[in-house]
Protein backbone atom coordinates (compact mmCIF):
# COMPACT_ATOMS: atom_id res chain seq x y z
CA MET A 1 88.90 -13.16 -5.02
CA LYS A 2 88.09 -16.66 -6.23
CA ILE A 3 91.19 -18.88 -6.26
CA ILE A 4 90.91 -22.11 -8.24
CA ASP A 5 89.04 -24.81 -6.28
CA ILE A 6 91.48 -27.39 -4.92
CA GLU A 7 89.46 -30.30 -6.30
CA LEU A 8 89.37 -28.70 -9.74
CA PHE A 9 93.10 -27.96 -9.57
CA ASN A 10 93.82 -31.57 -8.56
CA GLU A 11 91.72 -32.80 -11.47
CA TYR A 12 93.70 -30.67 -13.92
CA ASP A 13 96.97 -31.59 -12.17
CA LYS A 14 96.23 -35.31 -12.46
CA LEU A 15 95.52 -34.86 -16.16
CA SER A 16 98.84 -33.02 -16.62
CA LYS A 17 100.75 -36.03 -15.22
CA GLU A 18 99.26 -38.49 -17.70
CA ASN A 19 100.95 -39.57 -20.92
CA TRP A 20 99.54 -37.42 -23.71
CA GLY A 21 101.76 -38.75 -26.48
CA LYS A 22 104.81 -37.26 -28.21
CA ASP A 23 102.81 -35.08 -30.59
CA LEU A 24 101.09 -33.33 -27.66
CA ALA A 25 104.33 -32.54 -25.79
CA ILE A 26 104.18 -28.79 -26.47
CA TRP A 27 100.42 -28.72 -25.85
CA LYS A 28 100.98 -30.42 -22.48
CA MET A 29 103.83 -28.06 -21.60
CA MET A 30 101.63 -25.03 -22.29
CA PHE A 31 98.79 -26.49 -20.22
CA THR A 32 101.10 -27.27 -17.29
CA GLY A 33 102.62 -23.80 -17.35
CA LEU A 34 99.17 -22.21 -17.40
CA LEU A 35 97.96 -24.42 -14.56
CA ASN A 36 100.93 -23.55 -12.35
CA TYR A 37 100.40 -19.85 -13.13
CA GLN A 38 96.72 -20.19 -12.23
CA LYS A 39 97.42 -21.75 -8.85
CA ASP A 40 97.69 -18.49 -6.91
CA ILE A 41 95.65 -15.99 -8.95
CA GLU A 42 91.96 -15.33 -9.46
CA LEU A 43 90.14 -17.96 -11.47
CA THR A 44 88.12 -15.98 -13.97
CA ALA A 45 85.62 -17.46 -16.41
CA PHE A 46 88.14 -16.76 -19.18
CA ASN A 47 91.02 -18.54 -17.42
CA GLU A 48 88.86 -21.57 -16.72
CA MET A 49 87.78 -21.63 -20.37
CA VAL A 50 91.42 -21.65 -21.52
CA LEU A 51 92.25 -24.52 -19.17
CA ASN A 52 89.27 -26.46 -20.52
CA THR A 53 90.39 -25.80 -24.09
CA PHE A 54 93.77 -27.38 -23.39
CA ALA A 55 92.33 -30.24 -21.33
CA ASP A 56 89.79 -31.21 -23.97
CA ILE A 57 92.46 -32.46 -26.40
CA PRO A 58 93.95 -35.29 -24.30
CA LYS A 59 90.46 -36.11 -23.04
CA ALA A 60 89.28 -36.48 -26.65
CA ARG A 61 92.18 -38.82 -27.34
CA LYS A 62 91.22 -41.03 -24.40
CA GLN A 63 87.57 -41.08 -25.46
CA GLY A 64 88.31 -41.75 -29.13
CA LYS A 65 86.63 -38.46 -30.05
CA PRO A 66 87.81 -36.92 -33.37
CA ILE A 67 89.96 -33.79 -33.17
CA ILE A 68 89.78 -31.17 -35.92
CA LEU A 69 92.54 -28.61 -36.49
CA HIS A 70 91.34 -25.18 -37.67
CA PRO A 71 92.80 -21.68 -38.14
CA PHE A 72 92.28 -18.52 -36.09
CA ASN A 73 89.77 -17.07 -38.56
CA TYR A 74 87.08 -19.75 -38.28
CA GLU A 75 84.92 -20.31 -35.23
CA PRO A 76 84.22 -23.88 -34.04
CA GLU A 77 80.43 -23.87 -33.62
CA LEU A 78 79.88 -26.31 -36.51
CA PHE A 79 82.54 -28.60 -35.04
CA PHE A 80 80.92 -28.56 -31.61
CA ALA A 81 77.59 -29.30 -33.28
CA MET A 82 79.16 -32.32 -35.00
CA ASN A 83 80.65 -33.54 -31.67
CA LEU A 84 84.22 -32.88 -32.77
CA THR A 85 86.93 -31.44 -30.52
CA PRO A 86 88.38 -28.28 -32.12
CA LEU A 87 92.04 -27.31 -31.86
CA MET A 88 93.07 -23.88 -33.12
CA GLN A 89 96.55 -24.21 -34.63
CA GLU A 90 97.66 -20.68 -33.77
CA SER A 91 97.20 -21.48 -30.08
CA ILE A 92 100.57 -23.17 -30.46
CA SER A 93 102.50 -21.20 -33.09
CA VAL A 94 101.37 -17.86 -31.63
CA GLY A 95 101.01 -19.06 -28.03
CA ILE A 96 104.74 -19.80 -27.71
CA ALA A 97 105.81 -16.52 -29.41
CA PRO A 98 105.84 -14.34 -26.23
CA PHE A 99 108.41 -16.75 -24.78
CA HIS A 100 110.46 -16.77 -28.02
CA MET A 101 110.08 -20.55 -28.12
CA ASN A 102 108.89 -20.29 -31.71
CA GLN A 103 112.25 -19.04 -32.95
CA PRO A 104 114.00 -22.43 -33.30
CA TYR A 105 111.06 -23.63 -35.39
CA ILE A 106 111.17 -20.48 -37.53
CA ASP A 107 114.86 -21.10 -38.09
CA PHE A 108 114.24 -24.74 -38.96
CA ALA A 109 111.64 -23.70 -41.54
CA ASN A 110 114.24 -21.37 -43.04
CA LYS A 111 116.81 -24.17 -43.11
CA ILE A 112 114.59 -26.58 -45.00
CA GLY A 113 113.60 -23.87 -47.48
CA TYR A 114 110.02 -23.26 -46.45
CA GLY A 115 109.90 -19.52 -47.09
CA ASP A 116 111.54 -16.93 -44.90
CA ASN A 117 110.25 -14.41 -42.36
CA PRO A 118 109.11 -11.68 -44.79
CA THR A 119 107.24 -14.04 -47.14
CA ILE A 120 105.52 -16.80 -45.15
CA CYS A 121 103.59 -16.00 -41.98
CA ASN A 122 105.09 -17.09 -38.68
CA ALA A 123 101.62 -17.57 -37.25
CA GLN A 124 101.62 -20.92 -39.09
CA ARG A 125 105.20 -21.68 -40.13
CA PRO A 126 106.43 -23.03 -36.74
CA PHE A 127 103.69 -25.65 -36.95
CA ILE A 128 105.16 -26.96 -40.21
CA SER A 129 108.54 -27.38 -38.51
CA LEU A 130 106.86 -29.14 -35.59
CA ALA A 131 105.05 -31.47 -38.00
CA ILE A 132 108.27 -32.42 -39.76
CA GLN A 133 110.01 -33.01 -36.41
CA GLY A 134 107.11 -35.05 -35.05
CA GLY A 135 106.12 -32.51 -32.39
CA ALA A 136 102.90 -31.11 -33.85
CA PRO A 137 99.53 -32.35 -32.58
CA LEU A 138 98.13 -34.77 -35.14
CA PRO A 139 94.38 -34.17 -35.52
CA ASP A 140 91.97 -36.50 -37.25
CA LEU A 141 90.71 -33.76 -39.58
CA LEU A 142 92.06 -30.50 -40.98
CA PHE A 143 89.93 -27.47 -41.88
CA TYR A 144 91.08 -24.11 -43.27
CA LEU A 145 89.92 -21.10 -45.27
CA SER A 146 91.11 -19.38 -48.44
CA THR A 147 91.50 -16.09 -46.55
CA PRO A 148 92.86 -13.76 -45.30
CA CYS A 149 96.03 -14.55 -47.25
CA ASN A 150 97.78 -17.05 -49.50
CA SER A 151 100.38 -17.68 -46.81
CA LEU A 152 97.81 -19.09 -44.37
CA SER A 153 96.09 -21.21 -47.00
CA MET A 154 99.36 -22.61 -48.36
CA SER A 155 100.72 -23.45 -44.89
CA TYR A 156 97.72 -25.65 -44.17
CA GLN A 157 98.11 -27.34 -47.55
CA VAL A 158 101.74 -28.05 -46.69
CA PHE A 159 100.69 -29.50 -43.32
CA GLN A 160 98.14 -31.70 -45.09
CA SER A 161 100.78 -32.88 -47.55
CA ILE A 162 103.14 -33.81 -44.71
CA THR A 163 100.56 -35.62 -42.59
CA LYS A 164 98.06 -36.91 -45.21
CA ILE A 165 95.23 -35.92 -42.85
CA PRO A 166 91.85 -35.46 -44.61
CA SER A 167 91.30 -31.74 -45.23
CA PHE A 168 88.51 -29.36 -46.18
CA ASN A 169 89.11 -25.89 -47.62
CA LEU A 170 86.28 -23.36 -47.40
CA ASP A 171 86.48 -20.65 -50.06
CA ILE A 172 85.53 -17.13 -48.97
CA PRO A 173 83.72 -14.95 -51.54
CA TYR A 174 84.83 -11.41 -52.29
CA TRP A 175 81.56 -9.48 -52.23
CA ALA A 176 79.23 -8.15 -49.52
CA TYR A 177 76.04 -9.94 -48.49
CA ASP A 178 74.01 -6.98 -47.15
CA GLN A 179 71.75 -5.39 -49.78
CA GLY A 180 72.51 -1.83 -48.70
CA ASN A 181 76.17 -2.24 -49.69
CA ASP A 182 77.43 -0.96 -53.05
CA TYR A 183 79.30 -4.25 -53.48
CA TYR A 184 76.34 -6.53 -52.76
CA ASP A 185 76.11 -9.90 -54.45
CA GLY A 186 73.06 -12.04 -53.69
CA LYS A 187 75.04 -15.27 -54.09
CA THR A 188 77.55 -14.52 -51.33
CA VAL A 189 75.77 -16.07 -48.33
CA GLU A 190 74.35 -19.00 -50.32
CA TYR A 191 77.85 -19.79 -51.55
CA VAL A 192 79.12 -20.15 -47.98
CA ILE A 193 76.00 -22.06 -46.88
CA ASP A 194 76.53 -24.61 -49.65
CA GLN A 195 80.14 -25.09 -48.60
CA SER A 196 79.14 -25.44 -44.94
CA LYS A 197 76.72 -28.21 -45.86
CA ASN A 198 79.43 -29.84 -47.95
CA CYS A 199 81.66 -29.65 -44.87
CA VAL A 200 79.02 -31.50 -42.86
CA ASN A 201 79.00 -34.25 -45.48
CA TRP A 202 82.81 -34.33 -45.47
CA ILE A 203 82.87 -34.76 -41.68
CA GLU A 204 80.31 -37.55 -41.85
CA ASN A 205 82.27 -39.31 -44.61
CA ASN A 206 85.56 -39.13 -42.68
CA THR A 207 84.21 -40.04 -39.23
CA LYS A 208 81.49 -42.17 -37.70
CA LEU A 209 79.59 -39.00 -36.74
CA THR A 210 76.20 -37.94 -38.06
CA PHE A 211 74.64 -34.50 -38.30
CA ASP A 212 72.05 -33.85 -35.58
CA GLU A 213 69.75 -30.93 -36.44
CA GLU A 214 68.66 -30.39 -32.85
CA ARG A 215 72.26 -30.29 -31.60
CA PHE A 216 73.22 -27.90 -34.41
CA GLN A 217 70.36 -25.54 -33.56
CA HIS A 218 71.24 -25.59 -29.86
CA THR A 219 74.90 -24.88 -30.65
CA MET A 220 74.01 -21.93 -32.86
CA GLN A 221 71.69 -20.59 -30.17
CA LEU A 222 74.59 -20.64 -27.70
CA CYS A 223 76.83 -18.99 -30.27
CA ASN A 224 74.38 -16.19 -30.89
CA GLU A 225 73.74 -15.68 -27.18
CA ALA A 226 77.47 -15.06 -26.77
CA ARG A 227 77.45 -12.75 -29.80
CA GLY A 228 74.76 -10.70 -28.10
CA TYR A 229 76.91 -10.22 -25.01
CA VAL A 230 79.88 -9.24 -27.19
CA LEU A 231 77.78 -6.66 -29.01
CA GLU A 232 76.85 -5.08 -25.67
CA PHE A 233 80.50 -5.24 -24.60
CA ASN A 234 81.56 -3.41 -27.77
CA GLU A 235 79.05 -0.63 -27.14
CA LEU A 236 80.22 -0.22 -23.54
CA LEU A 237 83.77 0.38 -24.77
CA GLN A 238 82.57 3.55 -26.46
CA SER A 239 82.37 5.10 -22.98
CA VAL A 240 85.01 7.54 -21.74
CA PRO A 241 87.00 6.36 -19.89
CA CYS A 242 87.19 2.96 -21.57
CA PRO A 243 86.02 0.51 -18.88
CA VAL A 244 88.58 -2.24 -19.60
CA THR A 245 92.30 -2.59 -20.30
CA SER A 246 93.86 -2.80 -23.75
CA VAL A 247 94.17 -6.60 -23.81
CA THR A 248 90.56 -7.39 -22.90
CA GLY A 249 89.25 -7.33 -26.45
CA MET A 250 91.74 -10.02 -27.43
CA SER A 251 90.20 -12.26 -24.77
CA ILE A 252 86.83 -11.84 -26.51
CA PHE A 253 88.38 -12.94 -29.79
CA GLN A 254 90.12 -15.94 -28.21
CA THR A 255 86.88 -16.99 -26.56
CA MET A 256 84.82 -16.96 -29.74
CA VAL A 257 87.45 -18.54 -31.98
CA THR A 258 88.20 -21.42 -29.61
CA ARG A 259 84.84 -21.96 -27.83
CA GLY A 260 82.16 -20.25 -29.91
CA GLY A 261 79.01 -22.38 -29.76
CA SER A 262 79.73 -23.67 -26.26
CA MET A 263 78.44 -22.74 -22.81
CA ASP A 264 82.02 -21.68 -21.98
CA ALA A 265 81.76 -18.85 -24.52
CA VAL A 266 78.41 -17.73 -23.09
CA LYS A 267 79.84 -17.58 -19.55
CA VAL A 268 82.99 -15.72 -20.56
CA THR A 269 81.32 -13.12 -22.78
CA LYS A 270 78.63 -12.47 -20.17
CA SER A 271 81.25 -11.99 -17.46
CA MET A 272 83.19 -9.53 -19.64
CA ARG A 273 80.00 -7.65 -20.51
CA ASP A 274 79.08 -7.50 -16.83
CA GLU A 275 82.53 -6.22 -15.80
CA ALA A 276 82.48 -3.51 -18.48
CA ALA A 277 78.94 -2.49 -17.52
CA TYR A 278 79.87 -2.25 -13.82
CA ASN A 279 82.90 -0.10 -14.60
CA VAL A 280 80.92 2.23 -16.87
CA LYS A 281 78.24 2.66 -14.23
CA ASN A 282 80.86 3.51 -11.60
CA GLY A 283 83.12 5.62 -13.81
CA ILE A 284 86.02 3.19 -13.54
CA GLY A 285 88.56 3.26 -16.37
CA GLY A 286 90.68 0.33 -17.47
CA VAL A 287 93.57 2.82 -17.59
CA PRO A 288 93.71 5.32 -14.71
CA ASP A 289 93.53 8.95 -15.80
CA GLU A 290 92.95 8.00 -19.45
CA LYS A 291 94.36 10.64 -21.81
CA ILE A 292 94.69 8.96 -25.23
CA ARG A 293 92.37 6.53 -27.02
CA ILE A 294 94.14 4.45 -29.67
CA ALA A 295 92.71 2.48 -32.58
CA TRP A 296 94.89 -0.54 -33.39
CA PRO A 297 93.38 -1.80 -36.66
CA TYR A 298 95.63 -4.78 -37.11
CA THR A 299 96.96 -7.65 -35.01
CA HIS A 300 99.01 -7.38 -31.83
CA VAL A 301 102.79 -7.64 -31.67
CA PHE A 302 102.50 -11.12 -30.19
CA PHE A 303 106.15 -11.61 -29.28
CA ASP A 304 105.87 -8.82 -26.69
CA ALA A 305 103.06 -9.52 -24.24
CA THR A 306 103.89 -6.36 -22.27
CA LEU A 307 103.71 -3.82 -25.13
CA LEU A 308 100.15 -2.64 -24.53
CA THR A 309 100.68 -2.45 -20.78
CA TRP A 310 103.78 -0.32 -21.43
CA ILE A 311 101.67 2.02 -23.58
CA GLU A 312 99.10 2.29 -20.78
CA ASN A 313 101.65 2.99 -18.06
CA SER A 314 103.84 5.33 -20.10
CA PHE A 315 101.22 7.51 -21.77
CA ASN A 316 97.91 6.94 -19.91
CA ALA A 317 96.72 5.59 -23.24
CA VAL A 318 94.29 2.77 -23.92
CA VAL A 319 94.07 0.64 -27.05
CA ILE A 320 90.36 0.26 -27.78
CA MET A 321 90.48 -3.27 -29.21
CA ASP A 322 92.75 -4.49 -31.98
CA LEU A 323 91.51 -5.86 -35.31
CA LEU A 324 90.92 -9.34 -33.92
CA GLY A 325 89.54 -8.19 -30.59
CA HIS A 326 86.88 -5.99 -32.18
CA TYR A 327 84.51 -8.89 -32.78
CA LYS A 328 81.67 -7.59 -34.93
CA VAL A 329 79.52 -10.65 -35.67
CA LEU A 330 75.89 -9.79 -34.87
CA PRO A 331 73.40 -12.22 -33.33
CA HIS A 332 71.18 -13.91 -35.92
CA ASP A 333 67.85 -15.72 -36.04
CA THR A 334 68.21 -19.44 -35.25
CA SER A 335 64.52 -20.43 -35.34
CA THR A 336 65.02 -22.89 -38.21
CA ILE A 337 67.86 -25.11 -39.42
CA GLU A 338 68.22 -23.01 -42.58
CA ASN A 339 68.46 -19.88 -40.46
CA CYS A 340 71.17 -21.59 -38.42
CA PHE A 341 73.16 -22.29 -41.57
CA GLN A 342 72.66 -18.67 -42.62
CA SER A 343 73.91 -17.49 -39.22
CA LEU A 344 76.92 -19.78 -39.56
CA ALA A 345 77.67 -18.35 -43.01
CA LYS A 346 77.32 -14.71 -41.98
CA GLY A 347 79.49 -15.34 -38.94
CA THR A 348 82.16 -16.84 -41.18
CA LEU A 349 82.06 -13.81 -43.48
CA ASP A 350 82.17 -11.26 -40.66
CA ALA A 351 84.54 -12.82 -38.13
CA SER A 352 88.09 -11.79 -37.38
CA MET A 353 90.27 -10.68 -40.29
CA VAL A 354 87.88 -12.26 -42.80
CA GLY A 355 85.26 -9.54 -42.45
CA LYS A 356 87.72 -6.65 -42.42
CA CYS A 357 90.43 -7.80 -44.85
CA ARG A 358 88.44 -9.33 -47.70
CA GLY A 359 86.77 -7.62 -50.64
CA PRO A 360 87.29 -4.04 -51.85
CA ILE A 361 89.44 -1.67 -49.80
CA GLU A 362 86.27 0.37 -49.17
CA PHE A 363 85.25 -2.31 -46.62
CA TYR A 364 88.28 -1.55 -44.47
CA ILE A 365 88.16 2.23 -44.89
CA GLU A 366 84.50 2.38 -43.91
CA TYR A 367 85.18 0.14 -40.93
CA MET A 368 88.00 2.40 -39.73
CA ILE A 369 86.13 5.70 -40.17
CA ASN A 370 83.16 4.35 -38.22
CA PHE A 371 85.41 2.91 -35.50
CA ILE A 372 87.23 6.22 -35.00
CA LYS A 373 83.97 8.14 -34.67
CA ASP A 374 82.16 5.59 -32.50
CA TYR A 375 85.02 5.08 -30.05
CA LYS A 376 86.23 8.71 -29.90
CA ILE A 377 89.70 7.79 -31.11
CA ASP A 378 92.66 10.17 -30.84
CA CYS A 379 95.15 8.33 -33.05
CA VAL A 380 95.73 5.17 -35.05
CA ILE A 381 98.65 2.72 -34.74
CA MET A 382 99.08 0.03 -37.40
CA PRO A 383 101.85 -2.56 -36.94
CA MET A 384 102.09 -4.08 -40.43
CA HIS A 385 103.22 -7.70 -40.22
CA PHE A 386 105.83 -8.47 -42.90
CA ALA A 387 104.02 -11.49 -44.33
CA CYS A 388 100.72 -9.59 -44.67
CA LYS A 389 101.69 -8.21 -48.06
CA HIS A 390 98.05 -7.84 -49.06
CA VAL A 391 97.47 -5.10 -46.46
CA TYR A 392 100.49 -2.84 -46.97
CA LEU A 393 98.85 -0.60 -49.56
CA MET A 394 95.54 -0.91 -47.74
CA GLY A 395 97.07 0.58 -44.57
CA GLN A 396 98.59 3.57 -46.33
CA VAL A 397 95.48 4.41 -48.35
CA THR A 398 93.29 3.98 -45.26
CA SER A 399 95.50 6.28 -43.16
CA GLU A 400 95.16 9.00 -45.81
CA ALA A 401 91.37 8.55 -45.83
CA ILE A 402 91.31 8.73 -42.03
CA LYS A 403 93.31 11.95 -42.02
CA GLU A 404 91.07 13.55 -44.62
CA GLU A 405 87.81 12.44 -43.00
CA THR A 406 88.62 12.85 -39.30
CA GLY A 407 91.95 14.68 -38.97
CA ILE A 408 93.29 11.81 -36.84
CA PRO A 409 97.02 10.96 -37.29
CA SER A 410 98.24 7.43 -38.00
CA LEU A 411 101.48 5.58 -37.31
CA ILE A 412 102.35 2.72 -39.66
CA PHE A 413 105.43 0.57 -39.09
CA SER A 414 106.61 -2.84 -40.26
CA CYS A 415 107.55 -5.75 -38.05
CA ASP A 416 107.25 -9.49 -37.70
CA SER A 417 104.49 -9.82 -35.13
CA TYR A 418 105.88 -13.17 -33.99
CA ASP A 419 109.68 -12.81 -34.20
CA SER A 420 111.46 -10.13 -32.15
CA ARG A 421 114.70 -10.56 -34.09
CA GLU A 422 113.38 -8.72 -37.15
CA VAL A 423 112.26 -5.51 -35.40
CA THR A 424 112.87 -5.45 -31.65
CA SER A 425 110.54 -4.34 -28.88
CA GLU A 426 112.84 -1.40 -28.21
CA GLU A 427 112.58 -0.22 -31.81
CA ILE A 428 108.80 -0.54 -31.77
CA LYS A 429 108.49 1.30 -28.46
CA GLY A 430 110.71 4.05 -29.82
CA LYS A 431 108.45 4.56 -32.84
CA ILE A 432 105.33 4.59 -30.68
CA SER A 433 106.88 6.94 -28.12
CA ASP A 434 107.98 9.43 -30.78
CA PHE A 435 104.55 9.31 -32.41
CA LEU A 436 102.58 9.81 -29.20
CA THR A 437 104.82 12.52 -27.72
CA GLN A 438 105.63 14.49 -30.87
CA ILE A 439 102.40 14.21 -32.89
CA VAL A 440 99.49 13.12 -30.70
CA ILE A 441 100.02 14.83 -27.35
């Protein structure tokens, strides 16, 4: 087992003792906690990547390198290509949820009248409270999308209004870009390409940076190399038993959405592909004596980091990737600059919740039917986050289509994925236990 190298640990430790500034207090606390946790456990490629992601922010400050804040549904390859340092906002708002440290900020948002738990998403709302209290990291630039919901888009507009930081909003089209789809529109990809090029101009106009075609092409090549490893990883998870644990897919998502386009992402995705391949070859399951294979076609219950492990231990059941963890962006041709922009656009349209929760409901239904068949799924569990009002009907209609097409049962329940006070872990576990023991087994 490879423990963190003492020189590397000392380098990180020295950084953690420096003055990062008031607005990076929570960021520094999270980094320090992670570093202390890492001291005595195996240093994986993923863990090292996460440490680097935290360390890059204070380093950028010292170097005078611009920092750009972005949401969980946009990968940073364009930012790396432009020599920016990306910071995914949800790393904070969601990252502190398992420790319930987000709750005071949720309550503060309630107190000042910025929505309430069922209406505005708590994956962004704590950050607004932090911004008002002076505890949110202040980037140089702000980037966000129009999807997957109005709540996300509005929260970033509120943050921009509070901070006056220059912002860029990329609009996501409704229709499909592949010609074999019934909902194809030939303008879809070009629309995103045009906006991506406008984003390049916006970055140049708001920084001293200039677009370097060679750097952009190299970044997209790294991004697509990692996508290739993820594609192989996804295929390996079709094996029975599933070769990895239920949380592994989420690590793939976190890698691509925080480090996509970097060598870090290539190393992590290759290591995860290699581990899955080794386990398939040797008949090793992520869950011993696997009995149930679960599709989890929405986000995790982030306030309970032990929920999936409890499912594994209690029912010999494995969750074969959640909605975010099932990263489906294919590798693309990067032989020309225009092809690189096309790859960037297609990746934007297919990544995370964007690709699965935009457009007609048929997109999501088709995705689910194919997933159930490909991964030999026994049942479906959908935790519907209160603020995701746009998916409530989608979940019910999809579960009916799943039952009709495959005969597989579904469990749908509501919760706040980030606040345990709305629906507790015990209540959620009770629903899952009843479903698995009374209907599935």
